[in-house]
Amino acid sequence: MRWIAAILTLGAVSAWAQPPPVCSAESEGQAACMAGKLCECRFERGGQLTGRPDRFAWDCGAMRPMCPPDPTVSQAPGYAPPLGVWVQPQPGGRPPHR
């Protein structure tokens, strides 16, 4: 019984901690969702200033968009006042100044 639990635990951990997809010349231009960002596989020039060679790398910078929401996950409903509280909008959209 312990062996079954150990095998199931190891299987779940290995499936949960998957490495990111490989970024290479064959996958250039492809996008993948990593840590909530929609990353793109791009060619990056190296140089003496950066100390890196030319390579393919995932671009997950600040200007990249967020991943689209998962359609299988339901979104939280919007705000609704508690039951028994009557909210009446004010004319002009602002409360009266006192």
C-alpha atoms as a PDB file:
ATOM      1  CA  MET A   1       0.000   0.000   0.000  1.00  0.00           C
ATOM      2  CA  ARG A   2       2.855   2.381   0.773  1.00  0.00           C
ATOM      3  CA  TRP A   3       4.461   1.677  -2.580  1.00  0.00           C
ATOM      4  CA  ILE A   4       1.301   2.683  -4.407  1.00  0.00           C
ATOM      5  CA  ALA A   5       1.090   5.945  -2.460  1.00  0.00           C
ATOM      6  CA  ALA A   6       4.776   6.673  -3.149  1.00  0.00           C
ATOM      7  CA  ILE A   7       4.402   6.000  -6.883  1.00  0.00           C
ATOM      8  CA  LEU A   8       1.300   8.201  -7.121  1.00  0.00           C
ATOM      9  CA  THR A   9       3.019  11.001  -5.210  1.00  0.00           C
ATOM     10  CA  LEU A  10       6.121  10.894  -7.419  1.00  0.00           C
ATOM     11  CA  GLY A  11       3.957  10.852 -10.539  1.00  0.00           C
ATOM     12  CA  ALA A  12       1.988  13.882  -9.385  1.00  0.00           C
ATOM     13  CA  VAL A  13       5.126  15.849  -8.477  1.00  0.00           C
ATOM     14  CA  SER A  14       6.854  15.097 -11.784  1.00  0.00           C
ATOM     15  CA  ALA A  15       3.757  16.093 -13.775  1.00  0.00           C
ATOM     16  CA  TRP A  16       3.416  19.305 -11.772  1.00  0.00           C
ATOM     17  CA  ALA A  17       7.034  20.422 -12.242  1.00  0.00           C
ATOM     18  CA  GLN A  18       7.360  20.185 -16.007  1.00  0.00           C
ATOM     19  CA  PRO A  19      10.267  21.981 -17.696  1.00  0.00           C
ATOM     20  CA  PRO A  20       9.403  24.823 -20.097  1.00  0.00           C
ATOM     21  CA  PRO A  21       9.155  23.957 -23.785  1.00  0.00           C
ATOM     22  CA  VAL A  22      12.399  24.086 -25.769  1.00  0.00           C
ATOM     23  CA  CYS A  23      13.063  27.316 -27.668  1.00  0.00           C
ATOM     24  CA  SER A  24      15.020  26.558 -30.847  1.00  0.00           C
ATOM     25  CA  ALA A  25      15.150  27.500 -34.526  1.00  0.00           C
ATOM     26  CA  GLU A  26      12.329  25.034 -35.240  1.00  0.00           C
ATOM     27  CA  SER A  27      10.024  26.641 -32.653  1.00  0.00           C
ATOM     28  CA  GLU A  28      10.849  30.291 -33.421  1.00  0.00           C
ATOM     29  CA  GLY A  29       7.695  32.436 -33.296  1.00  0.00           C
ATOM     30  CA  GLN A  30       5.721  29.997 -31.162  1.00  0.00           C
ATOM     31  CA  ALA A  31       4.059  31.241 -27.983  1.00  0.00           C
ATOM     32  CA  ALA A  32       3.701  29.475 -24.644  1.00  0.00           C
ATOM     33  CA  CYS A  33       2.016  30.463 -21.401  1.00  0.00           C
ATOM     34  CA  MET A  34       4.627  30.599 -18.619  1.00  0.00           C
ATOM     35  CA  ALA A  35       3.962  32.047 -15.161  1.00  0.00           C
ATOM     36  CA  GLY A  36       0.901  33.921 -16.408  1.00  0.00           C
ATOM     37  CA  LYS A  37       2.704  35.581 -19.359  1.00  0.00           C
ATOM     38  CA  LEU A  38       2.319  34.741 -23.037  1.00  0.00           C
ATOM     39  CA  CYS A  39       6.002  34.226 -23.907  1.00  0.00           C
ATOM     40  CA  GLU A  40       7.341  34.062 -27.479  1.00  0.00           C
ATOM     41  CA  CYS A  41      10.337  32.100 -28.738  1.00  0.00           C
ATOM     42  CA  ARG A  42      12.691  34.617 -30.391  1.00  0.00           C
ATOM     43  CA  PHE A  43      16.266  34.881 -31.630  1.00  0.00           C
ATOM     44  CA  GLU A  44      18.369  37.161 -29.424  1.00  0.00           C
ATOM     45  CA  ARG A  45      21.651  38.612 -30.563  1.00  0.00           C
ATOM     46  CA  GLY A  46      24.535  38.257 -28.178  1.00  0.00           C
ATOM     47  CA  GLY A  47      27.566  40.467 -27.866  1.00  0.00           C
ATOM     48  CA  GLN A  48      30.564  41.449 -25.850  1.00  0.00           C
ATOM     49  CA  LEU A  49      28.544  43.918 -23.805  1.00  0.00           C
ATOM     50  CA  THR A  50      26.079  41.276 -22.598  1.00  0.00           C
ATOM     51  CA  GLY A  51      28.641  38.477 -22.519  1.00  0.00           C
ATOM     52  CA  ARG A  52      26.192  36.090 -24.176  1.00  0.00           C
ATOM     53  CA  PRO A  53      26.373  34.301 -27.527  1.00  0.00           C
ATOM     54  CA  ASP A  54      23.622  34.471 -30.164  1.00  0.00           C
ATOM     55  CA  ARG A  55      20.784  32.210 -29.049  1.00  0.00           C
ATOM     56  CA  PHE A  56      17.095  31.422 -29.111  1.00  0.00           C
ATOM     57  CA  ALA A  57      15.286  32.378 -25.893  1.00  0.00           C
ATOM     58  CA  TRP A  58      11.803  32.894 -24.508  1.00  0.00           C
ATOM     59  CA  ASP A  59      10.733  36.556 -24.453  1.00  0.00           C
ATOM     60  CA  CYS A  60       8.573  36.985 -21.334  1.00  0.00           C
ATOM     61  CA  GLY A  61       9.276  40.693 -20.795  1.00  0.00           C
ATOM     62  CA  ALA A  62       7.071  43.346 -19.277  1.00  0.00           C
ATOM     63  CA  MET A  63       5.608  44.303 -22.668  1.00  0.00           C
ATOM     64  CA  ARG A  64       4.305  40.783 -23.347  1.00  0.00           C
ATOM     65  CA  PRO A  65       0.547  40.256 -22.779  1.00  0.00           C
ATOM     66  CA  MET A  66      -0.944  38.131 -20.022  1.00  0.00           C
ATOM     67  CA  CYS A  67      -2.157  34.628 -20.888  1.00  0.00           C
ATOM     68  CA  PRO A  68      -5.803  34.359 -21.907  1.00  0.00           C
ATOM     69  CA  PRO A  69      -8.056  33.054 -19.133  1.00  0.00           C
ATOM     70  CA  ASP A  70      -8.754  29.340 -19.033  1.00  0.00           C
ATOM     71  CA  PRO A  71     -12.284  28.795 -20.407  1.00  0.00           C
ATOM     72  CA  THR A  72     -12.823  25.816 -18.092  1.00  0.00           C
ATOM     73  CA  VAL A  73     -12.411  27.994 -14.981  1.00  0.00           C
ATOM     74  CA  SER A  74     -15.447  30.053 -14.027  1.00  0.00           C
ATOM     75  CA  GLN A  75     -14.825  33.713 -13.302  1.00  0.00           C
ATOM     76  CA  ALA A  76     -15.802  35.259  -9.989  1.00  0.00           C
ATOM     77  CA  PRO A  77     -19.090  37.143 -10.169  1.00  0.00           C
ATOM     78  CA  GLY A  78     -19.053  40.925 -10.027  1.00  0.00           C
ATOM     79  CA  TYR A  79     -19.758  42.920  -6.881  1.00  0.00           C
ATOM     80  CA  ALA A  80     -23.293  42.803  -5.557  1.00  0.00           C
ATOM     81  CA  PRO A  81     -24.498  44.592  -2.439  1.00  0.00           C
ATOM     82  CA  PRO A  82     -25.467  42.417   0.541  1.00  0.00           C
ATOM     83  CA  LEU A  83     -29.063  41.252   0.736  1.00  0.00           C
ATOM     84  CA  GLY A  84     -31.360  43.739   2.423  1.00  0.00           C
ATOM     85  CA  VAL A  85     -29.295  46.776   1.390  1.00  0.00           C
ATOM     86  CA  TRP A  86     -30.930  49.094  -1.105  1.00  0.00           C
ATOM     87  CA  VAL A  87     -28.489  51.010  -3.287  1.00  0.00           C
ATOM     88  CA  GLN A  88     -30.015  53.915  -5.168  1.00  0.00           C
ATOM     89  CA  PRO A  89     -27.832  55.798  -7.640  1.00  0.00           C
ATOM     90  CA  GLN A  90     -27.510  59.538  -7.123  1.00  0.00           C
ATOM     91  CA  PRO A  91     -28.313  61.926  -9.985  1.00  0.00           C
ATOM     92  CA  GLY A  92     -25.066  62.954 -11.629  1.00  0.00           C
ATOM     93  CA  GLY A  93     -23.228  59.952 -10.213  1.00  0.00           C
ATOM     94  CA  ARG A  94     -21.877  61.750  -7.125  1.00  0.00           C
ATOM     95  CA  PRO A  95     -23.152  61.705  -3.549  1.00  0.00           C
ATOM     96  CA  PRO A  96     -24.467  65.009  -2.166  1.00  0.00           C
ATOM     97  CA  HIS A  97     -21.810  67.244  -0.623  1.00  0.00           C
ATOM     98  CA  ARG A  98     -22.317  67.830   3.090  1.00  0.00           C
END
